[in-house]
């Protein structure tokens, strides 16, 4: 597919053009539509247990995609994304207390998390690497402690959503929850893909590769990172809201648990950081391991740690990076080409 946008830059010897990846993305769109249609049909053929498991997978995939956008593209390694998971869940609870349907409350909660991300970003924007990671963790804990002070929200013990939909059957409620979860995941993945195909994707690549060089080239690093932080807050908030909808009991400890960040980071590292496909593959691996090993108690966590270490040592770019080395396949081409300007031959550098 032809590139939509092009930029011409001048080197010492010749003009160069930077264009989007020229790999045909039409098949990507068609394949995505088919897969979404297949998944949308699941409530008609699957039981409640399978649907609940799929909703959990949607939550993990959404979180992993947001964390990958932060760490894999913007270079912001956060261990406090559970702040937005918890805020999303509590926004749904607060709105539901005031008679707003939990399904209607979900997008409002996601937007609310985006608004909350702005002042939180102001608090941590000047920090980098380990300092940024620890600061986000502290912020998440602080937000949890503040929410525990409100008895109207259940305090430290939490409370159930008081007004659940009055549907004719439990199966219909489960199906609606599943479809909402599927929609949240599709929107999250689509947003990440569109952002990375645009100017922001090139900006984030420059920042990730060399922040100093990016600044010297006129890249607005601060604004770009703030935008990514807010978008990740919205995505994680939507996942937290979906958690409250699927398990309509909101308690501070579980929804603000650092385990959420551990899960999303695990899925990204296993699948392949810095790729859209990585979180997809990593989430699938995590869900399989969880279902097979959760009955082994502490061994479940030990095995997860061992798998993560082995993958990092054997495949530094994750499982998807290992597959890409042999198959040379990109399901979501978001890279850029650098090639000679008009009159020159095409460049051969692969898209990043």
C-alpha atoms as a PDB file:
ATOM      1  CA  UNK A   1       0.000   0.000   0.000  1.00  0.00           C
ATOM      2  CA  UNK A   2       1.384   3.374  -0.915  1.00  0.00           C
ATOM      3  CA  UNK A   3       2.529   5.587   1.867  1.00  0.00           C
ATOM      4  CA  UNK A   4       0.132   8.309   2.904  1.00  0.00           C
ATOM      5  CA  UNK A   5       2.789  10.720   4.146  1.00  0.00           C
ATOM      6  CA  UNK A   6       6.369  11.389   3.150  1.00  0.00           C
ATOM      7  CA  UNK A   7       9.116  13.588   4.556  1.00  0.00           C
ATOM      8  CA  UNK A   8      12.194  14.695   2.640  1.00  0.00           C
ATOM      9  CA  UNK A   9      15.433  15.326   4.504  1.00  0.00           C
ATOM     10  CA  UNK A  10      18.752  16.532   3.126  1.00  0.00           C
ATOM     11  CA  UNK A  11      22.056  14.833   3.875  1.00  0.00           C
ATOM     12  CA  UNK A  12      25.534  16.009   2.852  1.00  0.00           C
ATOM     13  CA  UNK A  13      25.412  14.046  -0.410  1.00  0.00           C
ATOM     14  CA  UNK A  14      21.794  13.617  -1.456  1.00  0.00           C
ATOM     15  CA  UNK A  15      18.152  14.004  -0.569  1.00  0.00           C
ATOM     16  CA  UNK A  16      16.557  11.222   1.436  1.00  0.00           C
ATOM     17  CA  UNK A  17      12.909  10.425   1.907  1.00  0.00           C
ATOM     18  CA  UNK A  18      11.345   8.962   5.052  1.00  0.00           C
ATOM     19  CA  UNK A  19       8.100   7.136   4.364  1.00  0.00           C
ATOM     20  CA  UNK A  20       5.833   4.764   6.190  1.00  0.00           C
ATOM     21  CA  UNK A  21       6.297   1.058   5.773  1.00  0.00           C
ATOM     22  CA  UNK A  22       5.256   0.107   2.257  1.00  0.00           C
ATOM     23  CA  UNK A  23       4.150  -3.370   3.152  1.00  0.00           C
ATOM     24  CA  UNK A  24       0.567  -3.946   2.112  1.00  0.00           C
ATOM     25  CA  UNK A  25      -1.657  -3.340   5.127  1.00  0.00           C
ATOM     26  CA  UNK A  26      -4.928  -4.221   3.359  1.00  0.00           C
ATOM     27  CA  UNK A  27      -4.567  -7.893   4.300  1.00  0.00           C
ATOM     28  CA  UNK A  28      -3.912  -6.871   7.892  1.00  0.00           C
ATOM     29  CA  UNK A  29      -7.241  -5.037   8.005  1.00  0.00           C
ATOM     30  CA  UNK A  30      -9.156  -7.867   6.360  1.00  0.00           C
ATOM     31  CA  UNK A  31      -7.588 -10.467   8.644  1.00  0.00           C
ATOM     32  CA  UNK A  32      -8.330  -8.351  11.729  1.00  0.00           C
ATOM     33  CA  UNK A  33     -11.995  -7.994  10.744  1.00  0.00           C
ATOM     34  CA  UNK A  34     -12.330 -11.749  10.236  1.00  0.00           C
ATOM     35  CA  UNK A  35     -10.725 -12.517  13.599  1.00  0.00           C
ATOM     36  CA  UNK A  36     -12.915  -9.981  15.399  1.00  0.00           C
ATOM     37  CA  UNK A  37     -16.015 -11.454  13.752  1.00  0.00           C
ATOM     38  CA  UNK A  38     -15.009 -14.952  14.879  1.00  0.00           C
ATOM     39  CA  UNK A  39     -14.407 -13.793  18.437  1.00  0.00           C
ATOM     40  CA  UNK A  40     -17.721 -11.910  18.448  1.00  0.00           C
ATOM     41  CA  UNK A  41     -19.512 -15.202  17.747  1.00  0.00           C
ATOM     42  CA  UNK A  42     -18.043 -16.958  20.805  1.00  0.00           C
ATOM     43  CA  UNK A  43     -20.967 -16.230  23.188  1.00  0.00           C
ATOM     44  CA  UNK A  44     -23.213 -18.361  20.949  1.00  0.00           C
ATOM     45  CA  UNK A  45     -20.972 -21.425  21.117  1.00  0.00           C
ATOM     46  CA  UNK A  46     -19.016 -21.164  24.395  1.00  0.00           C
ATOM     47  CA  UNK A  47     -19.987 -21.630  28.025  1.00  0.00           C
ATOM     48  CA  UNK A  48     -19.774 -19.098  30.829  1.00  0.00           C
ATOM     49  CA  UNK A  49     -16.400 -20.390  32.039  1.00  0.00           C
ATOM     50  CA  UNK A  50     -14.792 -19.873  28.630  1.00  0.00           C
ATOM     51  CA  UNK A  51     -16.302 -16.411  28.271  1.00  0.00           C
ATOM     52  CA  UNK A  52     -15.016 -15.384  31.719  1.00  0.00           C
ATOM     53  CA  UNK A  53     -11.553 -16.620  30.767  1.00  0.00           C
ATOM     54  CA  UNK A  54     -11.684 -14.676  27.504  1.00  0.00           C
ATOM     55  CA  UNK A  55     -12.679 -11.485  29.337  1.00  0.00           C
ATOM     56  CA  UNK A  56      -9.687 -11.947  31.627  1.00  0.00           C
ATOM     57  CA  UNK A  57      -7.525 -12.349  28.527  1.00  0.00           C
ATOM     58  CA  UNK A  58      -8.953  -9.122  27.084  1.00  0.00           C
ATOM     59  CA  UNK A  59      -8.008  -7.291  30.286  1.00  0.00           C
ATOM     60  CA  UNK A  60      -4.443  -8.623  30.227  1.00  0.00           C
ATOM     61  CA  UNK A  61      -4.010  -7.884  26.501  1.00  0.00           C
ATOM     62  CA  UNK A  62      -5.264  -4.314  26.887  1.00  0.00           C
ATOM     63  CA  UNK A  63      -2.934  -3.715  29.829  1.00  0.00           C
ATOM     64  CA  UNK A  64       0.028  -5.293  28.030  1.00  0.00           C
ATOM     65  CA  UNK A  65      -0.553  -3.169  24.920  1.00  0.00           C
ATOM     66  CA  UNK A  66      -0.602   0.002  27.024  1.00  0.00           C
ATOM     67  CA  UNK A  67       2.524  -0.952  28.979  1.00  0.00           C
ATOM     68  CA  UNK A  68       4.276  -1.821  25.720  1.00  0.00           C
ATOM     69  CA  UNK A  69       3.388   1.615  24.345  1.00  0.00           C
ATOM     70  CA  UNK A  70       4.943   3.184  27.444  1.00  0.00           C
ATOM     71  CA  UNK A  71       8.071   1.079  27.861  1.00  0.00           C
ATOM     72  CA  UNK A  72       8.612  -0.261  24.356  1.00  0.00           C
ATOM     73  CA  UNK A  73       8.125   2.971  22.440  1.00  0.00           C
ATOM     74  CA  UNK A  74       8.281   5.924  24.841  1.00  0.00           C
ATOM     75  CA  UNK A  75      11.002   4.454  27.074  1.00  0.00           C
ATOM     76  CA  UNK A  76       8.887   4.925  30.221  1.00  0.00           C
ATOM     77  CA  UNK A  77       9.215   1.814  32.378  1.00  0.00           C
ATOM     78  CA  UNK A  78       6.339   2.141  34.837  1.00  0.00           C
ATOM     79  CA  UNK A  79       5.545  -0.176  37.729  1.00  0.00           C
ATOM     80  CA  UNK A  80       2.569   1.912  38.782  1.00  0.00           C
ATOM     81  CA  UNK A  81       0.030   1.334  36.016  1.00  0.00           C
ATOM     82  CA  UNK A  82      -2.150  -0.403  38.578  1.00  0.00           C
ATOM     83  CA  UNK A  83      -3.085   3.127  39.683  1.00  0.00           C
ATOM     84  CA  UNK A  84      -5.200   3.479  36.547  1.00  0.00           C
ATOM     85  CA  UNK A  85      -6.567  -0.052  36.840  1.00  0.00           C
ATOM     86  CA  UNK A  86      -7.847   0.800  40.305  1.00  0.00           C
ATOM     87  CA  UNK A  87      -9.095   4.248  39.307  1.00  0.00           C
ATOM     88  CA  UNK A  88     -11.002   2.777  36.372  1.00  0.00           C
ATOM     89  CA  UNK A  89     -12.701   0.253  38.647  1.00  0.00           C
ATOM     90  CA  UNK A  90     -13.582   2.869  41.253  1.00  0.00           C
ATOM     91  CA  UNK A  91     -14.899   5.317  38.667  1.00  0.00           C
ATOM     92  CA  UNK A  92     -17.328   2.601  37.562  1.00  0.00           C
ATOM     93  CA  UNK A  93     -18.336   1.986  41.183  1.00  0.00           C
ATOM     94  CA  UNK A  94     -18.832   5.692  41.876  1.00  0.00           C
ATOM     95  CA  UNK A  95     -20.939   6.211  38.770  1.00  0.00           C
ATOM     96  CA  UNK A  96     -22.940   3.053  39.431  1.00  0.00           C
ATOM     97  CA  UNK A  97     -23.738   4.260  42.946  1.00  0.00           C
ATOM     98  CA  UNK A  98     -25.340   7.267  41.248  1.00  0.00           C
ATOM     99  CA  UNK A  99     -27.475   4.999  39.032  1.00  0.00           C
ATOM    100  CA  UNK A 100     -25.276   5.068  35.930  1.00  0.00           C
ATOM    101  CA  UNK A 101     -25.276   1.701  34.152  1.00  0.00           C
ATOM    102  CA  UNK A 102     -21.951  -0.082  34.548  1.00  0.00           C
ATOM    103  CA  UNK A 103     -21.685  -0.448  30.759  1.00  0.00           C
ATOM    104  CA  UNK A 104     -22.267   3.280  30.265  1.00  0.00           C
ATOM    105  CA  UNK A 105     -19.833   4.028  33.085  1.00  0.00           C
ATOM    106  CA  UNK A 106     -16.995   2.151  31.402  1.00  0.00           C
ATOM    107  CA  UNK A 107     -16.063   4.734  28.710  1.00  0.00           C
ATOM    108  CA  UNK A 108     -16.632   7.568  31.194  1.00  0.00           C
ATOM    109  CA  UNK A 109     -14.241   5.849  33.616  1.00  0.00           C
ATOM    110  CA  UNK A 110     -11.609   5.501  30.889  1.00  0.00           C
ATOM    111  CA  UNK A 111     -11.821   9.218  30.088  1.00  0.00           C
ATOM    112  CA  UNK A 112     -11.673  10.027  33.790  1.00  0.00           C
ATOM    113  CA  UNK A 113      -8.425   8.061  34.067  1.00  0.00           C
ATOM    114  CA  UNK A 114      -7.021  10.065  31.160  1.00  0.00           C
ATOM    115  CA  UNK A 115      -7.848  13.291  32.987  1.00  0.00           C
ATOM    116  CA  UNK A 116      -6.269  11.949  36.193  1.00  0.00           C
ATOM    117  CA  UNK A 117      -3.129  11.008  34.248  1.00  0.00           C
ATOM    118  CA  UNK A 118      -2.322  14.672  33.526  1.00  0.00           C
ATOM    119  CA  UNK A 119      -1.528  15.769  37.119  1.00  0.00           C
ATOM    120  CA  UNK A 120       0.105  12.403  37.826  1.00  0.00           C
ATOM    121  CA  UNK A 121       2.376  12.948  34.815  1.00  0.00           C
ATOM    122  CA  UNK A 122       3.308  16.384  36.135  1.00  0.00           C
ATOM    123  CA  UNK A 123       4.570  14.713  39.324  1.00  0.00           C
ATOM    124  CA  UNK A 124       6.830  12.180  37.575  1.00  0.00           C
ATOM    125  CA  UNK A 125       7.667  13.848  34.251  1.00  0.00           C
ATOM    126  CA  UNK A 126      11.178  14.926  35.269  1.00  0.00           C
ATOM    127  CA  UNK A 127      12.200  11.466  36.429  1.00  0.00           C
ATOM    128  CA  UNK A 128      13.837   8.757  34.331  1.00  0.00           C
ATOM    129  CA  UNK A 129      14.720   5.052  34.483  1.00  0.00           C
ATOM    130  CA  UNK A 130      14.523   3.547  37.973  1.00  0.00           C
ATOM    131  CA  UNK A 131      13.438   6.801  39.606  1.00  0.00           C
ATOM    132  CA  UNK A 132      10.443   7.022  37.275  1.00  0.00           C
ATOM    133  CA  UNK A 133       9.517   3.391  37.962  1.00  0.00           C
ATOM    134  CA  UNK A 134       9.638   3.769  41.747  1.00  0.00           C
ATOM    135  CA  UNK A 135       7.766   7.084  41.636  1.00  0.00           C
ATOM    136  CA  UNK A 136       4.885   5.556  39.681  1.00  0.00           C
ATOM    137  CA  UNK A 137       4.695   2.724  42.214  1.00  0.00           C
ATOM    138  CA  UNK A 138       4.548   5.244  45.063  1.00  0.00           C
ATOM    139  CA  UNK A 139       1.817   7.196  43.270  1.00  0.00           C
ATOM    140  CA  UNK A 140      -0.255   4.052  42.798  1.00  0.00           C
ATOM    141  CA  UNK A 141       0.027   3.213  46.490  1.00  0.00           C
ATOM    142  CA  UNK A 142      -0.854   6.780  47.452  1.00  0.00           C
ATOM    143  CA  UNK A 143      -3.965   6.764  45.279  1.00  0.00           C
ATOM    144  CA  UNK A 144      -5.060   3.472  46.877  1.00  0.00           C
ATOM    145  CA  UNK A 145      -4.565   4.834  50.402  1.00  0.00           C
ATOM    146  CA  UNK A 146      -6.601   7.935  49.557  1.00  0.00           C
ATOM    147  CA  UNK A 147      -9.504   5.896  48.181  1.00  0.00           C
ATOM    148  CA  UNK A 148      -9.495   3.683  51.278  1.00  0.00           C
ATOM    149  CA  UNK A 149     -10.387   6.795  53.309  1.00  0.00           C
ATOM    150  CA  UNK A 150     -13.839   7.055  51.685  1.00  0.00           C
ATOM    151  CA  UNK A 151     -16.440   4.951  53.540  1.00  0.00           C
ATOM    152  CA  UNK A 152     -18.970   5.721  50.796  1.00  0.00           C
ATOM    153  CA  UNK A 153     -16.807   3.646  48.429  1.00  0.00           C
ATOM    154  CA  UNK A 154     -16.480   0.748  50.844  1.00  0.00           C
ATOM    155  CA  UNK A 155     -13.301   1.897  52.580  1.00  0.00           C
ATOM    156  CA  UNK A 156     -10.656  -0.793  52.802  1.00  0.00           C
ATOM    157  CA  UNK A 157     -13.124  -3.662  52.465  1.00  0.00           C
ATOM    158  CA  UNK A 158     -14.639  -2.522  49.168  1.00  0.00           C
ATOM    159  CA  UNK A 159     -18.204  -2.976  47.958  1.00  0.00           C
ATOM    160  CA  UNK A 160     -20.264  -4.495  45.159  1.00  0.00           C
ATOM    161  CA  UNK A 161     -21.777  -2.514  42.301  1.00  0.00           C
ATOM    162  CA  UNK A 162     -25.226  -1.654  43.682  1.00  0.00           C
ATOM    163  CA  UNK A 163     -27.076  -1.402  40.369  1.00  0.00           C
ATOM    164  CA  UNK A 164     -26.338  -4.208  37.920  1.00  0.00           C
ATOM    165  CA  UNK A 165     -28.343  -4.516  34.682  1.00  0.00           C
ATOM    166  CA  UNK A 166     -31.739  -6.148  35.018  1.00  0.00           C
ATOM    167  CA  UNK A 167     -31.405  -8.628  32.161  1.00  0.00           C
ATOM    168  CA  UNK A 168     -33.560 -11.650  31.474  1.00  0.00           C
ATOM    169  CA  UNK A 169     -30.759 -14.137  32.116  1.00  0.00           C
ATOM    170  CA  UNK A 170     -27.242 -14.434  33.483  1.00  0.00           C
ATOM    171  CA  UNK A 171     -26.074 -15.746  30.104  1.00  0.00           C
ATOM    172  CA  UNK A 172     -27.126 -12.492  28.433  1.00  0.00           C
ATOM    173  CA  UNK A 173     -25.195 -10.455  31.002  1.00  0.00           C
ATOM    174  CA  UNK A 174     -22.107 -12.605  30.432  1.00  0.00           C
ATOM    175  CA  UNK A 175     -22.425 -12.188  26.675  1.00  0.00           C
ATOM    176  CA  UNK A 176     -22.772  -8.403  26.964  1.00  0.00           C
ATOM    177  CA  UNK A 177     -19.735  -8.274  29.234  1.00  0.00           C
ATOM    178  CA  UNK A 178     -17.774 -10.362  26.745  1.00  0.00           C
ATOM    179  CA  UNK A 179     -18.690  -8.118  23.815  1.00  0.00           C
ATOM    180  CA  UNK A 180     -17.792  -5.006  25.801  1.00  0.00           C
ATOM    181  CA  UNK A 181     -14.423  -6.594  26.640  1.00  0.00           C
ATOM    182  CA  UNK A 182     -13.825  -7.445  22.996  1.00  0.00           C
ATOM    183  CA  UNK A 183     -14.672  -3.869  22.000  1.00  0.00           C
ATOM    184  CA  UNK A 184     -12.268  -2.435  24.594  1.00  0.00           C
ATOM    185  CA  UNK A 185      -9.442  -4.651  23.306  1.00  0.00           C
ATOM    186  CA  UNK A 186     -10.095  -3.853  19.646  1.00  0.00           C
ATOM    187  CA  UNK A 187     -10.173  -0.117  20.354  1.00  0.00           C
ATOM    188  CA  UNK A 188      -6.949  -0.357  22.392  1.00  0.00           C
ATOM    189  CA  UNK A 189      -5.054  -2.276  19.706  1.00  0.00           C
ATOM    190  CA  UNK A 190      -6.464  -0.085  16.933  1.00  0.00           C
ATOM    191  CA  UNK A 191      -5.455   3.080  18.763  1.00  0.00           C
ATOM    192  CA  UNK A 192      -1.902   1.851  19.288  1.00  0.00           C
ATOM    193  CA  UNK A 193      -1.629   0.825  15.627  1.00  0.00           C
ATOM    194  CA  UNK A 194      -2.932   4.161  14.307  1.00  0.00           C
ATOM    195  CA  UNK A 195      -0.669   6.153  16.631  1.00  0.00           C
ATOM    196  CA  UNK A 196       2.425   4.214  15.648  1.00  0.00           C
ATOM    197  CA  UNK A 197       1.586   4.496  11.941  1.00  0.00           C
ATOM    198  CA  UNK A 198       1.448   8.263  12.293  1.00  0.00           C
ATOM    199  CA  UNK A 199       3.906  11.008  13.133  1.00  0.00           C
ATOM    200  CA  UNK A 200       3.873  10.065  16.814  1.00  0.00           C
ATOM    201  CA  UNK A 201       5.262   6.626  15.955  1.00  0.00           C
ATOM    202  CA  UNK A 202       8.301   8.160  14.261  1.00  0.00           C
ATOM    203  CA  UNK A 203       8.725  10.574  17.159  1.00  0.00           C
ATOM    204  CA  UNK A 204       8.629   7.768  19.731  1.00  0.00           C
ATOM    205  CA  UNK A 205      11.120   5.708  17.731  1.00  0.00           C
ATOM    206  CA  UNK A 206      13.533   8.646  17.706  1.00  0.00           C
ATOM    207  CA  UNK A 207      13.099   9.180  21.459  1.00  0.00           C
ATOM    208  CA  UNK A 208      13.580   5.492  22.213  1.00  0.00           C
ATOM    209  CA  UNK A 209      16.746   5.223  20.106  1.00  0.00           C
ATOM    210  CA  UNK A 210      18.444   8.427  21.319  1.00  0.00           C
ATOM    211  CA  UNK A 211      16.594  11.000  23.408  1.00  0.00           C
ATOM    212  CA  UNK A 212      19.414  13.564  23.217  1.00  0.00           C
ATOM    213  CA  UNK A 213      19.590  13.332  19.426  1.00  0.00           C
ATOM    214  CA  UNK A 214      15.805  13.557  19.208  1.00  0.00           C
ATOM    215  CA  UNK A 215      15.773  16.740  21.298  1.00  0.00           C
ATOM    216  CA  UNK A 216      18.537  18.288  19.213  1.00  0.00           C
ATOM    217  CA  UNK A 217      16.506  17.527  16.075  1.00  0.00           C
ATOM    218  CA  UNK A 218      13.536  19.491  17.364  1.00  0.00           C
ATOM    219  CA  UNK A 219      11.434  16.572  18.633  1.00  0.00           C
ATOM    220  CA  UNK A 220       9.084  17.671  21.429  1.00  0.00           C
ATOM    221  CA  UNK A 221      10.002  14.868  23.788  1.00  0.00           C
ATOM    222  CA  UNK A 222       8.049  16.067  26.822  1.00  0.00           C
ATOM    223  CA  UNK A 223       4.723  16.526  25.030  1.00  0.00           C
ATOM    224  CA  UNK A 224       5.083  13.230  23.164  1.00  0.00           C
ATOM    225  CA  UNK A 225       5.741  11.306  26.357  1.00  0.00           C
ATOM    226  CA  UNK A 226       2.905  13.032  28.181  1.00  0.00           C
ATOM    227  CA  UNK A 227       0.527  12.089  25.366  1.00  0.00           C
ATOM    228  CA  UNK A 228       1.618   8.451  25.563  1.00  0.00           C
ATOM    229  CA  UNK A 229       1.282   8.481  29.367  1.00  0.00           C
ATOM    230  CA  UNK A 230      -2.277   9.834  29.113  1.00  0.00           C
ATOM    231  CA  UNK A 231      -3.250   7.335  26.414  1.00  0.00           C
ATOM    232  CA  UNK A 232      -1.818   4.483  28.490  1.00  0.00           C
ATOM    233  CA  UNK A 233      -3.786   5.794  31.470  1.00  0.00           C
ATOM    234  CA  UNK A 234      -6.991   5.729  29.435  1.00  0.00           C
ATOM    235  CA  UNK A 235      -6.293   2.179  28.224  1.00  0.00           C
ATOM    236  CA  UNK A 236      -5.420   0.845  31.666  1.00  0.00           C
ATOM    237  CA  UNK A 237      -8.440   2.652  33.098  1.00  0.00           C
ATOM    238  CA  UNK A 238     -10.679   0.958  30.532  1.00  0.00           C
ATOM    239  CA  UNK A 239      -9.189  -2.404  31.537  1.00  0.00           C
ATOM    240  CA  UNK A 240      -9.840  -1.619  35.209  1.00  0.00           C
ATOM    241  CA  UNK A 241     -13.412  -0.601  34.406  1.00  0.00           C
ATOM    242  CA  UNK A 242     -13.877  -3.877  32.519  1.00  0.00           C
ATOM    243  CA  UNK A 243     -12.556  -5.707  35.586  1.00  0.00           C
ATOM    244  CA  UNK A 244     -15.220  -4.020  37.725  1.00  0.00           C
ATOM    245  CA  UNK A 245     -17.919  -4.900  35.198  1.00  0.00           C
ATOM    246  CA  UNK A 246     -16.880  -8.553  34.889  1.00  0.00           C
ATOM    247  CA  UNK A 247     -16.390  -9.063  38.635  1.00  0.00           C
ATOM    248  CA  UNK A 248     -18.806  -6.526  40.158  1.00  0.00           C
ATOM    249  CA  UNK A 249     -17.036  -6.248  43.494  1.00  0.00           C
ATOM    250  CA  UNK A 250     -14.431  -3.506  43.854  1.00  0.00           C
ATOM    251  CA  UNK A 251     -11.844  -3.746  46.641  1.00  0.00           C
ATOM    252  CA  UNK A 252      -8.715  -1.553  46.936  1.00  0.00           C
ATOM    253  CA  UNK A 253      -6.173  -4.335  47.465  1.00  0.00           C
ATOM    254  CA  UNK A 254      -6.968  -6.441  44.379  1.00  0.00           C
ATOM    255  CA  UNK A 255      -7.593  -3.612  41.900  1.00  0.00           C
ATOM    256  CA  UNK A 256      -4.525  -1.603  42.981  1.00  0.00           C
ATOM    257  CA  UNK A 257      -2.273  -4.656  43.248  1.00  0.00           C
ATOM    258  CA  UNK A 258       1.193  -4.332  41.727  1.00  0.00           C
ATOM    259  CA  UNK A 259       0.580  -7.791  40.303  1.00  0.00           C
ATOM    260  CA  UNK A 260      -1.287  -6.115  37.443  1.00  0.00           C
ATOM    261  CA  UNK A 261       1.884  -4.351  36.351  1.00  0.00           C
ATOM    262  CA  UNK A 262       3.858  -7.586  36.788  1.00  0.00           C
ATOM    263  CA  UNK A 263       1.387  -9.411  34.523  1.00  0.00           C
ATOM    264  CA  UNK A 264       1.443  -6.789  31.784  1.00  0.00           C
ATOM    265  CA  UNK A 265       5.237  -6.549  31.891  1.00  0.00           C
ATOM    266  CA  UNK A 266       5.529 -10.355  31.762  1.00  0.00           C
ATOM    267  CA  UNK A 267       3.285 -10.551  28.688  1.00  0.00           C
ATOM    268  CA  UNK A 268       5.252  -7.824  26.911  1.00  0.00           C
ATOM    269  CA  UNK A 269       8.715  -9.217  27.714  1.00  0.00           C
ATOM    270  CA  UNK A 270       7.713 -12.758  26.769  1.00  0.00           C
ATOM    271  CA  UNK A 271       5.983 -11.733  23.555  1.00  0.00           C
ATOM    272  CA  UNK A 272       8.404  -9.067  22.423  1.00  0.00           C
ATOM    273  CA  UNK A 273       8.732  -5.475  23.606  1.00  0.00           C
ATOM    274  CA  UNK A 274       8.472  -2.733  21.000  1.00  0.00           C
ATOM    275  CA  UNK A 275       6.087  -4.621  18.699  1.00  0.00           C
ATOM    276  CA  UNK A 276       2.295  -4.688  18.499  1.00  0.00           C
ATOM    277  CA  UNK A 277       2.361  -8.442  17.963  1.00  0.00           C
ATOM    278  CA  UNK A 278       4.426  -9.096  21.096  1.00  0.00           C
ATOM    279  CA  UNK A 279       1.673  -8.417  23.674  1.00  0.00           C
ATOM    280  CA  UNK A 280      -0.721 -10.606  21.656  1.00  0.00           C
ATOM    281  CA  UNK A 281       1.618 -13.585  21.790  1.00  0.00           C
ATOM    282  CA  UNK A 282       2.722 -12.856  25.358  1.00  0.00           C
ATOM    283  CA  UNK A 283      -0.867 -12.672  26.593  1.00  0.00           C
ATOM    284  CA  UNK A 284      -1.653 -16.037  24.997  1.00  0.00           C
ATOM    285  CA  UNK A 285       1.385 -17.602  26.687  1.00  0.00           C
ATOM    286  CA  UNK A 286       0.483 -16.065  30.040  1.00  0.00           C
ATOM    287  CA  UNK A 287      -3.129 -17.236  29.914  1.00  0.00           C
ATOM    288  CA  UNK A 288      -2.081 -20.800  29.044  1.00  0.00           C
ATOM    289  CA  UNK A 289       0.479 -20.904  31.864  1.00  0.00           C
ATOM    290  CA  UNK A 290      -2.005 -19.431  34.309  1.00  0.00           C
ATOM    291  CA  UNK A 291      -4.661 -22.023  33.547  1.00  0.00           C
ATOM    292  CA  UNK A 292      -2.214 -24.927  33.656  1.00  0.00           C
ATOM    293  CA  UNK A 293      -0.245 -23.901  36.737  1.00  0.00           C
ATOM    294  CA  UNK A 294      -2.531 -21.876  38.996  1.00  0.00           C
ATOM    295  CA  UNK A 295      -3.426 -24.951  41.057  1.00  0.00           C
ATOM    296  CA  UNK A 296       0.250 -25.388  42.040  1.00  0.00           C
ATOM    297  CA  UNK A 297       0.197 -22.317  44.314  1.00  0.00           C
ATOM    298  CA  UNK A 298       3.695 -20.859  44.752  1.00  0.00           C
ATOM    299  CA  UNK A 299       5.127 -23.011  41.945  1.00  0.00           C
ATOM    300  CA  UNK A 300       2.943 -21.064  39.557  1.00  0.00           C
ATOM    301  CA  UNK A 301       4.917 -17.870  40.212  1.00  0.00           C
ATOM    302  CA  UNK A 302       8.246 -19.720  40.160  1.00  0.00           C
ATOM    303  CA  UNK A 303       7.513 -21.208  36.745  1.00  0.00           C
ATOM    304  CA  UNK A 304       6.454 -17.822  35.394  1.00  0.00           C
ATOM    305  CA  UNK A 305       9.751 -16.359  36.574  1.00  0.00           C
ATOM    306  CA  UNK A 306      11.758 -19.186  35.031  1.00  0.00           C
ATOM    307  CA  UNK A 307       9.942 -18.836  31.712  1.00  0.00           C
ATOM    308  CA  UNK A 308      10.627 -15.097  31.688  1.00  0.00           C
ATOM    309  CA  UNK A 309      14.352 -15.617  32.388  1.00  0.00           C
ATOM    310  CA  UNK A 310      14.723 -18.312  29.740  1.00  0.00           C
ATOM    311  CA  UNK A 311      13.007 -16.213  27.080  1.00  0.00           C
ATOM    312  CA  UNK A 312      15.106 -13.158  27.923  1.00  0.00           C
ATOM    313  CA  UNK A 313      18.317 -15.208  27.683  1.00  0.00           C
ATOM    314  CA  UNK A 314      17.411 -17.129  24.531  1.00  0.00           C
ATOM    315  CA  UNK A 315      15.345 -14.550  22.647  1.00  0.00           C
ATOM    316  CA  UNK A 316      16.234 -11.002  23.656  1.00  0.00           C
ATOM    317  CA  UNK A 317      13.479  -9.619  21.415  1.00  0.00           C
ATOM    318  CA  UNK A 318      10.858 -11.992  22.798  1.00  0.00           C
ATOM    319  CA  UNK A 319       9.067 -14.886  21.149  1.00  0.00           C
ATOM    320  CA  UNK A 320       7.689 -12.715  18.366  1.00  0.00           C
ATOM    321  CA  UNK A 321      11.156 -11.340  17.631  1.00  0.00           C
ATOM    322  CA  UNK A 322      12.458 -14.902  17.410  1.00  0.00           C
ATOM    323  CA  UNK A 323       9.669 -15.831  14.998  1.00  0.00           C
ATOM    324  CA  UNK A 324      10.251 -12.687  12.947  1.00  0.00           C
ATOM    325  CA  UNK A 325      13.935 -13.575  12.520  1.00  0.00           C
ATOM    326  CA  UNK A 326      12.947 -16.795  10.733  1.00  0.00           C
ATOM    327  CA  UNK A 327       9.606 -15.953   9.108  1.00  0.00           C
ATOM    328  CA  UNK A 328      10.091 -12.221   8.407  1.00  0.00           C
ATOM    329  CA  UNK A 329       6.406 -11.563   9.096  1.00  0.00           C
ATOM    330  CA  UNK A 330       4.847  -8.378  10.447  1.00  0.00           C
ATOM    331  CA  UNK A 331       1.111  -8.530  11.130  1.00  0.00           C
ATOM    332  CA  UNK A 332       1.029  -4.829  12.003  1.00  0.00           C
ATOM    333  CA  UNK A 333       3.596  -2.962   9.882  1.00  0.00           C
ATOM    334  CA  UNK A 334       4.284   0.362  11.564  1.00  0.00           C
ATOM    335  CA  UNK A 335       7.926   0.970  10.564  1.00  0.00           C
ATOM    336  CA  UNK A 336       9.493   3.523   8.256  1.00  0.00           C
ATOM    337  CA  UNK A 337      11.742   3.383   5.203  1.00  0.00           C
ATOM    338  CA  UNK A 338      14.715   5.639   4.520  1.00  0.00           C
ATOM    339  CA  UNK A 339      15.505   5.855   0.794  1.00  0.00           C
ATOM    340  CA  UNK A 340      16.944   8.223  -1.835  1.00  0.00           C
ATOM    341  CA  UNK A 341      14.710  11.045  -3.024  1.00  0.00           C
ATOM    342  CA  UNK A 342      13.201  11.439  -6.497  1.00  0.00           C
ATOM    343  CA  UNK A 343      15.437  10.069  -9.179  1.00  0.00           C
ATOM    344  CA  UNK A 344      17.299   7.689  -6.896  1.00  0.00           C
ATOM    345  CA  UNK A 345      16.865   3.973  -6.386  1.00  0.00           C
ATOM    346  CA  UNK A 346      14.804   2.679  -3.496  1.00  0.00           C
ATOM    347  CA  UNK A 347      16.447   2.018  -0.200  1.00  0.00           C
ATOM    348  CA  UNK A 348      16.559  -1.455   1.239  1.00  0.00           C
ATOM    349  CA  UNK A 349      16.575  -0.729   4.952  1.00  0.00           C
ATOM    350  CA  UNK A 350      13.851  -2.768   6.633  1.00  0.00           C
ATOM    351  CA  UNK A 351      11.174  -0.906   8.548  1.00  0.00           C
ATOM    352  CA  UNK A 352      11.810  -0.596  12.247  1.00  0.00           C
END
